[in-house]
Amino acid sequence: MALTINWARFGAVLFDLDGVVTPTAEIHKRAWADLFARWDFTDDDYLAYVDGRPRYDGVATFLASRGEALPFGDPTDMPGDTTVCALGNRKDDMFMAALDRDGIAPYAGTMAVIAELERAGVGMAIVSSSRNARPVLEAAGLGDRFAVVIDGVVAVDEELVGKPDPAMFLAAAHHLDVDASRCVVVEDASSGAAAGAAGDFALVVGIDRGGNRAALLEAGADIVVDDLGETVANSGPSEGLAA
């Protein structure tokens, strides 16, 4: 049964990017798996230690899970394996190479919601821990569709704590001049759902792209769908939400 949401009643919708708007989560996952191949990196590792976190936090959190420790280093470190930052920068190079080679297309279901929000004049923002959010949006042909983009670069500039802290989502609401109580958070990562729950937003929508439904609900998602297109009214049977 579909779960229809009346998106027009909200003041703004704050979208995570990877796995929500674009299928870049798969590119990220492959890059992380290649980076951590020596430690037999698994899908469960990706969800538990990396998904939704700022890049260097993901490196440090995963290494800690294996009892490994490296000096943090500096974000200007050359890609390599001697520091947390060097590993993170090597992963970034791997991701960008795949994006340049293969390109990216947005999820059709998410685009249906974006079109509905644009028709209703509802504000939209991207809230992503990635420093590559803008290049990904450009690659997907969405560079001019979002009034506000709070990404890893902005988080550093504005000294915002990363997910699962709600600071990045709250900053997006502030930039859109919409109170958090009137904003929807859309996330596919449990860390992002936890950030949405901690920020007292109107609604936290989780997207389960494969095996993360229970973790999203446990983290604080109000509802979880397989694809955002399920929330758009259609001719099939549906259960209304926020009518």
Foldseek 3Di string as FASTA:
>chain_A
DFEAEPVLQFQEEEEAPDPAWWVLVVLLVVLVCVLCVVVVDDPVLCQPQPPQWQQLSSLQRSCVVVVHDAAQDDCVDDQDPRHSNNSSVVSVVSSVVCCVVPFIETDPLSVVVLVVCVVSVHAYEYQGQDPCVQVNCVSHVNNPSHPYYQYVVNCVVVVFHGFPALRSVCVVCVVSVHDQQRYEYEEAHLRVLLSNQVRNHVFYEYADCDDCQVSSVVSHHPYYYPHNNSRHDDDDDYDYDND
